[in-house]
């Protein structure tokens, strides 16, 4: 456990795990054919923030600027806590525990194919396109976001 005690190490771990997670999401989209809904796209913002912020925190910790690195880790933790809430909201809408956003209809510009038939799919926020171990993409995002928030918060408490 001693290896995970430094601000530098935890910054690198958070950055790396966030990068791996967003790359997996992009792979599901681009190679797996799972088009994201607008909420899915919003859930990516925390990762798009955390990867460069985690890298800057790692660089700051490498330069012995642990205070700056800890501040960045606090911001990353907050971003992932908010993201976890969004993921829970999204997953709950998919399970029909509550209504999803009324404007979540895919957000894509419609295009017309041969014969005037619309060939752009409408991706809804209240329908899970994939599940693994009972959790959808949104559910897994909530779980991963809680884990990354905890790691970042733990890193923010480290002195060295």
C-alpha atoms as a PDB file:
ATOM      1  CA  UNK A   1       0.000   0.000   0.000  1.00  0.00           C
ATOM      2  CA  UNK A   2       3.003   2.259   0.491  1.00  0.00           C
ATOM      3  CA  UNK A   3       3.257   2.652  -3.306  1.00  0.00           C
ATOM      4  CA  UNK A   4      -0.154   4.374  -3.391  1.00  0.00           C
ATOM      5  CA  UNK A   5       0.726   6.922  -0.730  1.00  0.00           C
ATOM      6  CA  UNK A   6       2.133   9.759  -2.808  1.00  0.00           C
ATOM      7  CA  UNK A   7       0.300  12.616  -4.491  1.00  0.00           C
ATOM      8  CA  UNK A   8       2.326  11.954  -7.633  1.00  0.00           C
ATOM      9  CA  UNK A   9       1.391   8.280  -7.832  1.00  0.00           C
ATOM     10  CA  UNK A  10      -2.294   8.882  -7.141  1.00  0.00           C
ATOM     11  CA  UNK A  11      -2.412  11.696  -9.705  1.00  0.00           C
ATOM     12  CA  UNK A  12      -0.969   9.337 -12.282  1.00  0.00           C
ATOM     13  CA  UNK A  13      -3.367   6.534 -11.351  1.00  0.00           C
ATOM     14  CA  UNK A  14      -6.420   8.809 -11.572  1.00  0.00           C
ATOM     15  CA  UNK A  15      -5.257  10.236 -14.900  1.00  0.00           C
ATOM     16  CA  UNK A  16      -4.533   6.790 -16.335  1.00  0.00           C
ATOM     17  CA  UNK A  17      -7.802   5.212 -15.187  1.00  0.00           C
ATOM     18  CA  UNK A  18      -9.818   8.174 -16.481  1.00  0.00           C
ATOM     19  CA  UNK A  19      -8.015   7.930 -19.834  1.00  0.00           C
ATOM     20  CA  UNK A  20      -8.620   4.179 -20.085  1.00  0.00           C
ATOM     21  CA  UNK A  21     -12.300   4.644 -19.219  1.00  0.00           C
ATOM     22  CA  UNK A  22     -12.940   7.352 -21.813  1.00  0.00           C
ATOM     23  CA  UNK A  23     -11.036   5.364 -24.452  1.00  0.00           C
ATOM     24  CA  UNK A  24     -13.234   2.346 -23.717  1.00  0.00           C
ATOM     25  CA  UNK A  25     -16.356   4.513 -24.048  1.00  0.00           C
ATOM     26  CA  UNK A  26     -15.106   5.875 -27.362  1.00  0.00           C
ATOM     27  CA  UNK A  27     -14.299   2.338 -28.555  1.00  0.00           C
ATOM     28  CA  UNK A  28     -17.837   1.189 -27.732  1.00  0.00           C
ATOM     29  CA  UNK A  29     -19.105   4.148 -29.745  1.00  0.00           C
ATOM     30  CA  UNK A  30     -16.822   4.040 -32.772  1.00  0.00           C
ATOM     31  CA  UNK A  31     -16.074   0.322 -33.053  1.00  0.00           C
ATOM     32  CA  UNK A  32     -19.020  -1.236 -31.241  1.00  0.00           C
ATOM     33  CA  UNK A  33     -21.690   0.926 -32.845  1.00  0.00           C
ATOM     34  CA  UNK A  34     -23.218   2.150 -29.573  1.00  0.00           C
ATOM     35  CA  UNK A  35     -24.248   5.734 -30.273  1.00  0.00           C
ATOM     36  CA  UNK A  36     -24.316   7.899 -27.139  1.00  0.00           C
ATOM     37  CA  UNK A  37     -27.353   9.860 -26.033  1.00  0.00           C
ATOM     38  CA  UNK A  38     -26.964  13.479 -24.884  1.00  0.00           C
ATOM     39  CA  UNK A  39     -26.668  12.422 -21.219  1.00  0.00           C
ATOM     40  CA  UNK A  40     -23.946   9.946 -22.165  1.00  0.00           C
ATOM     41  CA  UNK A  41     -22.045  12.755 -23.841  1.00  0.00           C
ATOM     42  CA  UNK A  42     -22.445  14.965 -20.743  1.00  0.00           C
ATOM     43  CA  UNK A  43     -21.128  12.145 -18.569  1.00  0.00           C
ATOM     44  CA  UNK A  44     -17.883  12.252 -20.538  1.00  0.00           C
ATOM     45  CA  UNK A  45     -17.094  15.826 -19.461  1.00  0.00           C
ATOM     46  CA  UNK A  46     -15.617  14.710 -16.140  1.00  0.00           C
ATOM     47  CA  UNK A  47     -13.200  12.428 -17.977  1.00  0.00           C
ATOM     48  CA  UNK A  48     -12.284  15.126 -20.479  1.00  0.00           C
ATOM     49  CA  UNK A  49     -11.458  17.357 -17.507  1.00  0.00           C
ATOM     50  CA  UNK A  50      -9.756  14.707 -15.365  1.00  0.00           C
ATOM     51  CA  UNK A  51      -7.270  13.422 -17.921  1.00  0.00           C
ATOM     52  CA  UNK A  52      -5.446  16.707 -18.543  1.00  0.00           C
ATOM     53  CA  UNK A  53      -5.978  17.904 -14.956  1.00  0.00           C
ATOM     54  CA  UNK A  54      -4.577  14.622 -13.652  1.00  0.00           C
ATOM     55  CA  UNK A  55      -1.598  14.963 -15.954  1.00  0.00           C
ATOM     56  CA  UNK A  56      -0.976  18.519 -14.733  1.00  0.00           C
ATOM     57  CA  UNK A  57      -1.339  17.286 -11.124  1.00  0.00           C
ATOM     58  CA  UNK A  58       1.196  14.542 -11.817  1.00  0.00           C
ATOM     59  CA  UNK A  59       3.611  17.085 -13.347  1.00  0.00           C
ATOM     60  CA  UNK A  60       3.079  19.439 -10.396  1.00  0.00           C
ATOM     61  CA  UNK A  61       3.715  16.630  -7.904  1.00  0.00           C
ATOM     62  CA  UNK A  62       6.822  15.628  -9.865  1.00  0.00           C
ATOM     63  CA  UNK A  63       8.052  19.205  -9.433  1.00  0.00           C
ATOM     64  CA  UNK A  64       7.298  18.981  -5.689  1.00  0.00           C
ATOM     65  CA  UNK A  65       4.349  21.369  -6.028  1.00  0.00           C
ATOM     66  CA  UNK A  66       2.132  19.085  -3.997  1.00  0.00           C
ATOM     67  CA  UNK A  67      -0.224  21.872  -2.942  1.00  0.00           C
ATOM     68  CA  UNK A  68      -1.156  22.593  -6.556  1.00  0.00           C
ATOM     69  CA  UNK A  69      -1.472  18.881  -7.280  1.00  0.00           C
ATOM     70  CA  UNK A  70      -3.772  18.408  -4.272  1.00  0.00           C
ATOM     71  CA  UNK A  71      -5.999  21.300  -5.398  1.00  0.00           C
ATOM     72  CA  UNK A  72      -6.326  19.697  -8.830  1.00  0.00           C
ATOM     73  CA  UNK A  73      -7.142  16.357  -7.241  1.00  0.00           C
ATOM     74  CA  UNK A  74      -9.900  17.999  -5.177  1.00  0.00           C
ATOM     75  CA  UNK A  75     -11.368  19.475  -8.372  1.00  0.00           C
ATOM     76  CA  UNK A  76     -11.150  16.086 -10.078  1.00  0.00           C
ATOM     77  CA  UNK A  77     -12.861  14.440  -7.097  1.00  0.00           C
ATOM     78  CA  UNK A  78     -15.677  16.999  -7.226  1.00  0.00           C
ATOM     79  CA  UNK A  79     -16.077  16.531 -10.978  1.00  0.00           C
ATOM     80  CA  UNK A  80     -16.377  12.765 -10.545  1.00  0.00           C
ATOM     81  CA  UNK A  81     -18.802  13.089  -7.632  1.00  0.00           C
ATOM     82  CA  UNK A  82     -21.064  15.238  -9.795  1.00  0.00           C
ATOM     83  CA  UNK A  83     -20.583  12.794 -12.641  1.00  0.00           C
ATOM     84  CA  UNK A  84     -21.568   9.895 -10.397  1.00  0.00           C
ATOM     85  CA  UNK A  85     -24.788  11.740  -9.536  1.00  0.00           C
ATOM     86  CA  UNK A  86     -25.472  12.269 -13.238  1.00  0.00           C
ATOM     87  CA  UNK A  87     -24.771   8.586 -13.895  1.00  0.00           C
ATOM     88  CA  UNK A  88     -27.192   7.522 -11.148  1.00  0.00           C
ATOM     89  CA  UNK A  89     -29.840   9.876 -12.548  1.00  0.00           C
ATOM     90  CA  UNK A  90     -29.286   8.491 -16.050  1.00  0.00           C
ATOM     91  CA  UNK A  91     -29.328   4.857 -14.901  1.00  0.00           C
ATOM     92  CA  UNK A  92     -32.479   5.512 -12.868  1.00  0.00           C
ATOM     93  CA  UNK A  93     -34.187   6.931 -15.947  1.00  0.00           C
ATOM     94  CA  UNK A  94     -33.163   3.804 -17.878  1.00  0.00           C
ATOM     95  CA  UNK A  95     -34.645   1.572 -15.155  1.00  0.00           C
ATOM     96  CA  UNK A  96     -37.798   3.785 -15.216  1.00  0.00           C
ATOM     97  CA  UNK A  97     -37.348   4.761 -11.541  1.00  0.00           C
ATOM     98  CA  UNK A  98     -37.956   8.369 -12.615  1.00  0.00           C
ATOM     99  CA  UNK A  99     -38.430  10.316 -15.804  1.00  0.00           C
ATOM    100  CA  UNK A 100     -35.418  11.255 -17.849  1.00  0.00           C
ATOM    101  CA  UNK A 101     -34.994  14.682 -19.399  1.00  0.00           C
ATOM    102  CA  UNK A 102     -37.820  15.590 -21.729  1.00  0.00           C
ATOM    103  CA  UNK A 103     -35.418  16.827 -24.405  1.00  0.00           C
ATOM    104  CA  UNK A 104     -33.252  13.697 -24.510  1.00  0.00           C
ATOM    105  CA  UNK A 105     -34.062  12.531 -27.999  1.00  0.00           C
ATOM    106  CA  UNK A 106     -30.638  11.998 -29.493  1.00  0.00           C
ATOM    107  CA  UNK A 107     -29.671  15.514 -30.482  1.00  0.00           C
ATOM    108  CA  UNK A 108     -28.585  14.472 -33.957  1.00  0.00           C
ATOM    109  CA  UNK A 109     -29.401  16.354 -37.120  1.00  0.00           C
ATOM    110  CA  UNK A 110     -31.746  14.231 -39.154  1.00  0.00           C
ATOM    111  CA  UNK A 111     -30.553  13.172 -42.572  1.00  0.00           C
ATOM    112  CA  UNK A 112     -32.600  11.726 -45.351  1.00  0.00           C
ATOM    113  CA  UNK A 113     -31.723   8.604 -47.245  1.00  0.00           C
ATOM    114  CA  UNK A 114     -33.010   7.281 -50.547  1.00  0.00           C
ATOM    115  CA  UNK A 115     -36.709   7.759 -50.912  1.00  0.00           C
ATOM    116  CA  UNK A 116     -36.862  10.327 -48.106  1.00  0.00           C
ATOM    117  CA  UNK A 117     -36.539   7.788 -45.297  1.00  0.00           C
ATOM    118  CA  UNK A 118     -34.757   9.061 -42.191  1.00  0.00           C
ATOM    119  CA  UNK A 119     -31.629   6.987 -41.671  1.00  0.00           C
ATOM    120  CA  UNK A 120     -30.321   8.686 -38.520  1.00  0.00           C
ATOM    121  CA  UNK A 121     -31.167   6.756 -35.346  1.00  0.00           C
ATOM    122  CA  UNK A 122     -32.727   8.562 -32.403  1.00  0.00           C
ATOM    123  CA  UNK A 123     -30.851   7.648 -29.239  1.00  0.00           C
ATOM    124  CA  UNK A 124     -32.982   8.005 -26.118  1.00  0.00           C
ATOM    125  CA  UNK A 125     -31.661   8.673 -22.614  1.00  0.00           C
ATOM    126  CA  UNK A 126     -34.250   6.457 -20.962  1.00  0.00           C
ATOM    127  CA  UNK A 127     -33.360   3.256 -22.809  1.00  0.00           C
ATOM    128  CA  UNK A 128     -30.214   1.284 -22.044  1.00  0.00           C
ATOM    129  CA  UNK A 129     -28.518   0.076 -25.197  1.00  0.00           C
ATOM    130  CA  UNK A 130     -26.217  -2.343 -23.326  1.00  0.00           C
ATOM    131  CA  UNK A 131     -25.974  -3.940 -19.892  1.00  0.00           C
ATOM    132  CA  UNK A 132     -23.297  -5.996 -18.182  1.00  0.00           C
ATOM    133  CA  UNK A 133     -23.938  -7.471 -14.726  1.00  0.00           C
ATOM    134  CA  UNK A 134     -27.258  -5.586 -14.646  1.00  0.00           C
ATOM    135  CA  UNK A 135     -25.588  -2.191 -15.131  1.00  0.00           C
ATOM    136  CA  UNK A 136     -25.825  -0.050 -18.252  1.00  0.00           C
ATOM    137  CA  UNK A 137     -23.135   2.299 -19.503  1.00  0.00           C
ATOM    138  CA  UNK A 138     -24.612   4.959 -17.195  1.00  0.00           C
ATOM    139  CA  UNK A 139     -24.549   2.605 -14.220  1.00  0.00           C
ATOM    140  CA  UNK A 140     -20.947   1.635 -14.837  1.00  0.00           C
ATOM    141  CA  UNK A 141     -20.091   5.297 -15.253  1.00  0.00           C
ATOM    142  CA  UNK A 142     -21.543   5.986 -11.793  1.00  0.00           C
ATOM    143  CA  UNK A 143     -19.521   3.148 -10.237  1.00  0.00           C
ATOM    144  CA  UNK A 144     -16.282   4.171 -11.946  1.00  0.00           C
ATOM    145  CA  UNK A 145     -16.864   7.846 -11.135  1.00  0.00           C
ATOM    146  CA  UNK A 146     -17.291   7.057  -7.422  1.00  0.00           C
ATOM    147  CA  UNK A 147     -14.053   5.074  -7.497  1.00  0.00           C
ATOM    148  CA  UNK A 148     -12.146   7.808  -9.285  1.00  0.00           C
ATOM    149  CA  UNK A 149     -13.590  10.453  -6.947  1.00  0.00           C
ATOM    150  CA  UNK A 150     -12.425   8.399  -3.958  1.00  0.00           C
ATOM    151  CA  UNK A 151      -8.930   7.947  -5.406  1.00  0.00           C
ATOM    152  CA  UNK A 152      -8.631  11.636  -6.230  1.00  0.00           C
ATOM    153  CA  UNK A 153      -9.905  12.668  -2.792  1.00  0.00           C
ATOM    154  CA  UNK A 154      -7.489  10.259  -1.135  1.00  0.00           C
ATOM    155  CA  UNK A 155      -4.654  11.672  -3.225  1.00  0.00           C
ATOM    156  CA  UNK A 156      -5.646  15.183  -2.165  1.00  0.00           C
ATOM    157  CA  UNK A 157      -5.118  14.199   1.489  1.00  0.00           C
ATOM    158  CA  UNK A 158      -1.555  12.990   0.932  1.00  0.00           C
ATOM    159  CA  UNK A 159       1.294  15.259   1.993  1.00  0.00           C
ATOM    160  CA  UNK A 160       4.092  13.763  -0.071  1.00  0.00           C
END
